[in-house]
Amino acid sequence: MSVMREELHHLVDRLPEEKVAPLLRLVRDQLEEAPVVRDLPFIGLLEAEPDFAERSEEILRAEDNHSL
């Protein structure tokens, strides 16, 4: 264990009980994983008619029927 970790353990052991909860929250916050950020460079590259989004369900149904 590093010297800094040993010191941290020692200092935490000396804390009054009422100060443990806020410190515990701080440490837990540091351990939480950062939210996943997805890079989606293709967003907005689709070219289509202006009503494409409105007609998407109709288009997909037609494609499903066509593939059968």
PDB file of N, CA and C in Angstrom:
ATOM      1  N   MET A   1       0.850  -1.166   0.000  1.00  0.00           N
ATOM      2  CA  MET A   1       0.000   0.000   0.000  1.00  0.00           C
ATOM      3  C   MET A   1       0.902   1.238   0.000  1.00  0.00           C
ATOM      4  N   SER A   2       0.504   2.238  -0.778  1.00  0.00           N
ATOM      5  CA  SER A   2       1.320   3.440  -0.878  1.00  0.00           C
ATOM      6  C   SER A   2       1.248   4.259   0.418  1.00  0.00           C
ATOM      7  N   VAL A   3       2.204   5.140   0.572  1.00  0.00           N
ATOM      8  CA  VAL A   3       2.269   6.007   1.748  1.00  0.00           C
ATOM      9  C   VAL A   3       1.020   6.890   1.813  1.00  0.00           C
ATOM     10  N   MET A   4       0.588   7.385   0.670  1.00  0.00           N
ATOM     11  CA  MET A   4      -0.604   8.249   0.651  1.00  0.00           C
ATOM     12  C   MET A   4      -1.850   7.481   1.093  1.00  0.00           C
ATOM     13  N   ARG A   5      -2.004   6.240   0.664  1.00  0.00           N
ATOM     14  CA  ARG A   5      -3.157   5.431   1.084  1.00  0.00           C
ATOM     15  C   ARG A   5      -3.104   5.151   2.584  1.00  0.00           C
ATOM     16  N   GLU A   6      -1.916   4.865   3.072  1.00  0.00           N
ATOM     17  CA  GLU A   6      -1.771   4.620   4.516  1.00  0.00           C
ATOM     18  C   GLU A   6      -2.160   5.858   5.315  1.00  0.00           C
ATOM     19  N   GLU A   7      -1.709   7.021   4.841  1.00  0.00           N
ATOM     20  CA  GLU A   7      -2.064   8.265   5.529  1.00  0.00           C
ATOM     21  C   GLU A   7      -3.575   8.485   5.481  1.00  0.00           C
ATOM     22  N   LEU A   8      -4.181   8.244   4.325  1.00  0.00           N
ATOM     23  CA  LEU A   8      -5.628   8.406   4.191  1.00  0.00           C
ATOM     24  C   LEU A   8      -6.373   7.485   5.153  1.00  0.00           C
ATOM     25  N   HIS A   9      -5.961   6.236   5.235  1.00  0.00           N
ATOM     26  CA  HIS A   9      -6.568   5.300   6.182  1.00  0.00           C
ATOM     27  C   HIS A   9      -6.446   5.814   7.613  1.00  0.00           C
ATOM     28  N   HIS A  10      -5.274   6.283   7.943  1.00  0.00           N
ATOM     29  CA  HIS A  10      -5.029   6.790   9.299  1.00  0.00           C
ATOM     30  C   HIS A  10      -5.929   7.997   9.603  1.00  0.00           C
ATOM     31  N   LEU A  11      -6.031   8.915   8.649  1.00  0.00           N
ATOM     32  CA  LEU A  11      -6.851  10.110   8.855  1.00  0.00           C
ATOM     33  C   LEU A  11      -8.337   9.761   8.950  1.00  0.00           C
ATOM     34  N   VAL A  12      -8.781   8.838   8.135  1.00  0.00           N
ATOM     35  CA  VAL A  12     -10.191   8.424   8.187  1.00  0.00           C
ATOM     36  C   VAL A  12     -10.497   7.797   9.538  1.00  0.00           C
ATOM     37  N   ASP A  13      -9.583   6.992  10.044  1.00  0.00           N
ATOM     38  CA  ASP A  13      -9.786   6.367  11.350  1.00  0.00           C
ATOM     39  C   ASP A  13      -9.901   7.407  12.466  1.00  0.00           C
ATOM     40  N   ARG A  14      -9.296   8.560  12.293  1.00  0.00           N
ATOM     41  CA  ARG A  14      -9.342   9.614  13.320  1.00  0.00           C
ATOM     42  C   ARG A  14     -10.573  10.504  13.216  1.00  0.00           C
ATOM     43  N   LEU A  15     -11.323  10.406  12.126  1.00  0.00           N
ATOM     44  CA  LEU A  15     -12.493  11.270  11.941  1.00  0.00           C
ATOM     45  C   LEU A  15     -13.582  10.988  12.965  1.00  0.00           C
ATOM     46  N   PRO A  16     -14.249  12.042  13.450  1.00  0.00           N
ATOM     47  CA  PRO A  16     -15.423  11.827  14.299  1.00  0.00           C
ATOM     48  C   PRO A  16     -16.524  11.186  13.447  1.00  0.00           C
ATOM     49  N   GLU A  17     -17.356  10.376  14.052  1.00  0.00           N
ATOM     50  CA  GLU A  17     -18.380   9.608  13.341  1.00  0.00           C
ATOM     51  C   GLU A  17     -19.284  10.479  12.467  1.00  0.00           C
ATOM     52  N   GLU A  18     -19.617  11.671  12.932  1.00  0.00           N
ATOM     53  CA  GLU A  18     -20.532  12.532  12.167  1.00  0.00           C
ATOM     54  C   GLU A  18     -19.917  13.057  10.859  1.00  0.00           C
ATOM     55  N   LYS A  19     -18.620  12.956  10.713  1.00  0.00           N
ATOM     56  CA  LYS A  19     -17.959  13.425   9.492  1.00  0.00           C
ATOM     57  C   LYS A  19     -17.703  12.284   8.500  1.00  0.00           C
ATOM     58  N   VAL A  20     -18.020  11.071   8.897  1.00  0.00           N
ATOM     59  CA  VAL A  20     -17.754   9.917   8.036  1.00  0.00           C
ATOM     60  C   VAL A  20     -18.708   9.887   6.835  1.00  0.00           C
ATOM     61  N   ALA A  21     -20.000  10.130   7.055  1.00  0.00           N
ATOM     62  CA  ALA A  21     -20.991  10.030   5.971  1.00  0.00           C
ATOM     63  C   ALA A  21     -20.680  10.973   4.800  1.00  0.00           C
ATOM     64  N   PRO A  22     -20.395  12.263   5.056  1.00  0.00           N
ATOM     65  CA  PRO A  22     -20.082  13.134   3.911  1.00  0.00           C
ATOM     66  C   PRO A  22     -18.828  12.701   3.157  1.00  0.00           C
ATOM     67  N   LEU A  23     -17.841  12.238   3.874  1.00  0.00           N
ATOM     68  CA  LEU A  23     -16.614  11.776   3.233  1.00  0.00           C
ATOM     69  C   LEU A  23     -16.875  10.505   2.431  1.00  0.00           C
ATOM     70  N   LEU A  24     -17.688   9.634   2.971  1.00  0.00           N
ATOM     71  CA  LEU A  24     -18.043   8.398   2.279  1.00  0.00           C
ATOM     72  C   LEU A  24     -18.747   8.711   0.955  1.00  0.00           C
ATOM     73  N   ARG A  25     -19.670   9.687   0.960  1.00  0.00           N
ATOM     74  CA  ARG A  25     -20.344  10.089  -0.279  1.00  0.00           C
ATOM     75  C   ARG A  25     -19.337  10.626  -1.299  1.00  0.00           C
ATOM     76  N   LEU A  26     -18.408  11.419  -0.823  1.00  0.00           N
ATOM     77  CA  LEU A  26     -17.391  11.984  -1.706  1.00  0.00           C
ATOM     78  C   LEU A  26     -16.561  10.877  -2.367  1.00  0.00           C
ATOM     79  N   VAL A  27     -16.146   9.918  -1.585  1.00  0.00           N
ATOM     80  CA  VAL A  27     -15.331   8.820  -2.115  1.00  0.00           C
ATOM     81  C   VAL A  27     -16.148   7.973  -3.090  1.00  0.00           C
ATOM     82  N   ARG A  28     -17.397   7.681  -2.727  1.00  0.00           N
ATOM     83  CA  ARG A  28     -18.248   6.891  -3.633  1.00  0.00           C
ATOM     84  C   ARG A  28     -18.448   7.618  -4.956  1.00  0.00           C
ATOM     85  N   ASP A  29     -18.638   8.931  -4.904  1.00  0.00           N
ATOM     86  CA  ASP A  29     -18.793   9.709  -6.133  1.00  0.00           C
ATOM     87  C   ASP A  29     -17.567   9.584  -7.028  1.00  0.00           C
ATOM     88  N   GLN A  30     -16.400   9.496  -6.425  1.00  0.00           N
ATOM     89  CA  GLN A  30     -15.164   9.373  -7.197  1.00  0.00           C
ATOM     90  C   GLN A  30     -15.047   8.019  -7.875  1.00  0.00           C
ATOM     91  N   LEU A  31     -15.707   7.019  -7.324  1.00  0.00           N
ATOM     92  CA  LEU A  31     -15.611   5.660  -7.858  1.00  0.00           C
ATOM     93  C   LEU A  31     -16.667   5.344  -8.909  1.00  0.00           C
ATOM     94  N   GLU A  32     -17.715   6.156  -8.987  1.00  0.00           N
ATOM     95  CA  GLU A  32     -18.748   5.902  -9.977  1.00  0.00           C
ATOM     96  C   GLU A  32     -18.179   6.102 -11.371  1.00  0.00           C
ATOM     97  N   GLU A  33     -18.630   5.224 -12.261  1.00  0.00           N
ATOM     98  CA  GLU A  33     -18.153   5.311 -13.636  1.00  0.00           C
ATOM     99  C   GLU A  33     -18.781   6.511 -14.334  1.00  0.00           C
ATOM    100  N   ALA A  34     -17.988   7.131 -15.160  1.00  0.00           N
ATOM    101  CA  ALA A  34     -18.484   8.269 -15.937  1.00  0.00           C
ATOM    102  C   ALA A  34     -19.501   7.770 -16.957  1.00  0.00           C
ATOM    103  N   PRO A  35     -20.494   8.589 -17.278  1.00  0.00           N
ATOM    104  CA  PRO A  35     -21.466   8.165 -18.282  1.00  0.00           C
ATOM    105  C   PRO A  35     -20.789   7.898 -19.617  1.00  0.00           C
ATOM    106  N   VAL A  36     -21.289   6.914 -20.323  1.00  0.00           N
ATOM    107  CA  VAL A  36     -20.727   6.559 -21.617  1.00  0.00           C
ATOM    108  C   VAL A  36     -21.158   7.599 -22.644  1.00  0.00           C
ATOM    109  N   VAL A  37     -20.184   8.149 -23.327  1.00  0.00           N
ATOM    110  CA  VAL A  37     -20.455   9.112 -24.386  1.00  0.00           C
ATOM    111  C   VAL A  37     -20.184   8.412 -25.704  1.00  0.00           C
ATOM    112  N   ARG A  38     -21.212   8.340 -26.525  1.00  0.00           N
ATOM    113  CA  ARG A  38     -21.043   7.655 -27.803  1.00  0.00           C
ATOM    114  C   ARG A  38     -20.780   8.681 -28.899  1.00  0.00           C
ATOM    115  N   ASP A  39     -19.821   8.374 -29.720  1.00  0.00           N
ATOM    116  CA  ASP A  39     -19.501   9.214 -30.865  1.00  0.00           C
ATOM    117  C   ASP A  39     -20.268   8.673 -32.058  1.00  0.00           C
ATOM    118  N   LEU A  40     -21.241   9.430 -32.509  1.00  0.00           N
ATOM    119  CA  LEU A  40     -22.073   9.004 -33.630  1.00  0.00           C
ATOM    120  C   LEU A  40     -21.915  10.000 -34.785  1.00  0.00           C
ATOM    121  N   PRO A  41     -20.811   9.910 -35.506  1.00  0.00           N
ATOM    122  CA  PRO A  41     -20.533  10.903 -36.541  1.00  0.00           C
ATOM    123  C   PRO A  41     -21.493  10.843 -37.722  1.00  0.00           C
ATOM    124  N   PHE A  42     -22.232   9.745 -37.865  1.00  0.00           N
ATOM    125  CA  PHE A  42     -23.120   9.614 -39.008  1.00  0.00           C
ATOM    126  C   PHE A  42     -24.474  10.297 -38.793  1.00  0.00           C
ATOM    127  N   ILE A  43     -24.754  10.752 -37.579  1.00  0.00           N
ATOM    128  CA  ILE A  43     -26.019  11.417 -37.307  1.00  0.00           C
ATOM    129  C   ILE A  43     -26.131  12.679 -38.168  1.00  0.00           C
ATOM    130  N   GLY A  44     -27.251  12.820 -38.826  1.00  0.00           N
ATOM    131  CA  GLY A  44     -27.489  13.995 -39.650  1.00  0.00           C
ATOM    132  C   GLY A  44     -26.968  13.872 -41.070  1.00  0.00           C
ATOM    133  N   LEU A  45     -26.418  12.719 -41.436  1.00  0.00           N
ATOM    134  CA  LEU A  45     -25.875  12.559 -42.778  1.00  0.00           C
ATOM    135  C   LEU A  45     -26.897  11.996 -43.760  1.00  0.00           C
ATOM    136  N   LEU A  46     -28.026  11.549 -43.283  1.00  0.00           N
ATOM    137  CA  LEU A  46     -29.043  10.963 -44.130  1.00  0.00           C
ATOM    138  C   LEU A  46     -29.748  12.050 -44.933  1.00  0.00           C
ATOM    139  N   GLU A  47     -29.841  11.824 -46.209  1.00  0.00           N
ATOM    140  CA  GLU A  47     -30.577  12.750 -47.049  1.00  0.00           C
ATOM    141  C   GLU A  47     -31.865  12.071 -47.472  1.00  0.00           C
ATOM    142  N   ALA A  48     -32.986  12.732 -47.288  1.00  0.00           N
ATOM    143  CA  ALA A  48     -34.279  12.162 -47.652  1.00  0.00           C
ATOM    144  C   ALA A  48     -35.284  13.282 -47.854  1.00  0.00           C
ATOM    145  N   GLU A  49     -36.463  12.864 -48.304  1.00  0.00           N
ATOM    146  CA  GLU A  49     -37.528  13.837 -48.491  1.00  0.00           C
ATOM    147  C   GLU A  49     -37.891  14.446 -47.143  1.00  0.00           C
ATOM    148  N   PRO A  50     -38.472  15.641 -47.148  1.00  0.00           N
ATOM    149  CA  PRO A  50     -38.828  16.309 -45.888  1.00  0.00           C
ATOM    150  C   PRO A  50     -39.779  15.500 -45.000  1.00  0.00           C
ATOM    151  N   ASP A  51     -40.650  14.671 -45.609  1.00  0.00           N
ATOM    152  CA  ASP A  51     -41.622  13.927 -44.803  1.00  0.00           C
ATOM    153  C   ASP A  51     -41.155  12.528 -44.464  1.00  0.00           C
ATOM    154  N   PHE A  52     -39.879  12.239 -44.672  1.00  0.00           N
ATOM    155  CA  PHE A  52     -39.349  10.898 -44.436  1.00  0.00           C
ATOM    156  C   PHE A  52     -39.603  10.418 -43.013  1.00  0.00           C
ATOM    157  N   ALA A  53     -39.343  11.251 -42.034  1.00  0.00           N
ATOM    158  CA  ALA A  53     -39.546  10.864 -40.634  1.00  0.00           C
ATOM    159  C   ALA A  53     -41.018  10.588 -40.360  1.00  0.00           C
ATOM    160  N   GLU A  54     -41.889  11.393 -40.915  1.00  0.00           N
ATOM    161  CA  GLU A  54     -43.315  11.192 -40.708  1.00  0.00           C
ATOM    162  C   GLU A  54     -43.790   9.899 -41.363  1.00  0.00           C
ATOM    163  N   ARG A  55     -43.179   9.512 -42.472  1.00  0.00           N
ATOM    164  CA  ARG A  55     -43.594   8.322 -43.209  1.00  0.00           C
ATOM    165  C   ARG A  55     -42.789   7.090 -42.840  1.00  0.00           C
ATOM    166  N   SER A  56     -41.905   7.165 -41.859  1.00  0.00           N
ATOM    167  CA  SER A  56     -40.994   6.057 -41.570  1.00  0.00           C
ATOM    168  C   SER A  56     -41.710   4.740 -41.271  1.00  0.00           C
ATOM    169  N   GLU A  57     -42.768   4.775 -40.467  1.00  0.00           N
ATOM    170  CA  GLU A  57     -43.483   3.532 -40.159  1.00  0.00           C
ATOM    171  C   GLU A  57     -44.099   2.934 -41.423  1.00  0.00           C
ATOM    172  N   GLU A  58     -44.681   3.777 -42.244  1.00  0.00           N
ATOM    173  CA  GLU A  58     -45.280   3.307 -43.497  1.00  0.00           C
ATOM    174  C   GLU A  58     -44.211   2.675 -44.393  1.00  0.00           C
ATOM    175  N   ILE A  59     -43.051   3.315 -44.477  1.00  0.00           N
ATOM    176  CA  ILE A  59     -41.949   2.821 -45.305  1.00  0.00           C
ATOM    177  C   ILE A  59     -41.454   1.481 -44.770  1.00  0.00           C
ATOM    178  N   LEU A  60     -41.297   1.357 -43.461  1.00  0.00           N
ATOM    179  CA  LEU A  60     -40.813   0.099 -42.878  1.00  0.00           C
ATOM    180  C   LEU A  60     -41.818  -1.026 -43.089  1.00  0.00           C
ATOM    181  N   ARG A  61     -43.125  -0.746 -42.940  1.00  0.00           N
ATOM    182  CA  ARG A  61     -44.152  -1.766 -43.175  1.00  0.00           C
ATOM    183  C   ARG A  61     -44.086  -2.250 -44.625  1.00  0.00           C
ATOM    184  N   ALA A  62     -43.925  -1.318 -45.545  1.00  0.00           N
ATOM    185  CA  ALA A  62     -43.839  -1.672 -46.959  1.00  0.00           C
ATOM    186  C   ALA A  62     -42.616  -2.544 -47.223  1.00  0.00           C
ATOM    187  N   GLU A  63     -41.504  -2.225 -46.599  1.00  0.00           N
ATOM    188  CA  GLU A  63     -40.285  -3.030 -46.764  1.00  0.00           C
ATOM    189  C   GLU A  63     -40.471  -4.425 -46.180  1.00  0.00           C
ATOM    190  N   ASP A  64     -41.117  -4.517 -45.007  1.00  0.00           N
ATOM    191  CA  ASP A  64     -41.361  -5.825 -44.404  1.00  0.00           C
ATOM    192  C   ASP A  64     -42.235  -6.683 -45.311  1.00  0.00           C
ATOM    193  N   ASN A  65     -43.282  -6.103 -45.870  1.00  0.00           N
ATOM    194  CA  ASN A  65     -44.179  -6.836 -46.763  1.00  0.00           C
ATOM    195  C   ASN A  65     -43.462  -7.239 -48.051  1.00  0.00           C
ATOM    196  N   HIS A  66     -42.572  -6.381 -48.514  1.00  0.00           N
ATOM    197  CA  HIS A  66     -41.836  -6.643 -49.733  1.00  0.00           C
ATOM    198  C   HIS A  66     -40.843  -7.811 -49.562  1.00  0.00           C
ATOM    199  N   SER A  67     -40.239  -7.918 -48.373  1.00  0.00           N
ATOM    200  CA  SER A  67     -39.224  -8.944 -48.138  1.00  0.00           C
ATOM    201  C   SER A  67     -39.831 -10.327 -47.910  1.00  0.00           C
ATOM    202  N   LEU A  68     -41.118 -10.419 -47.692  1.00  0.00           N
ATOM    203  CA  LEU A  68     -41.764 -11.724 -47.461  1.00  0.00           C
ATOM    204  C   LEU A  68     -41.902 -12.489 -48.695  1.00  0.00           C
TER     205      LEU A  68
END
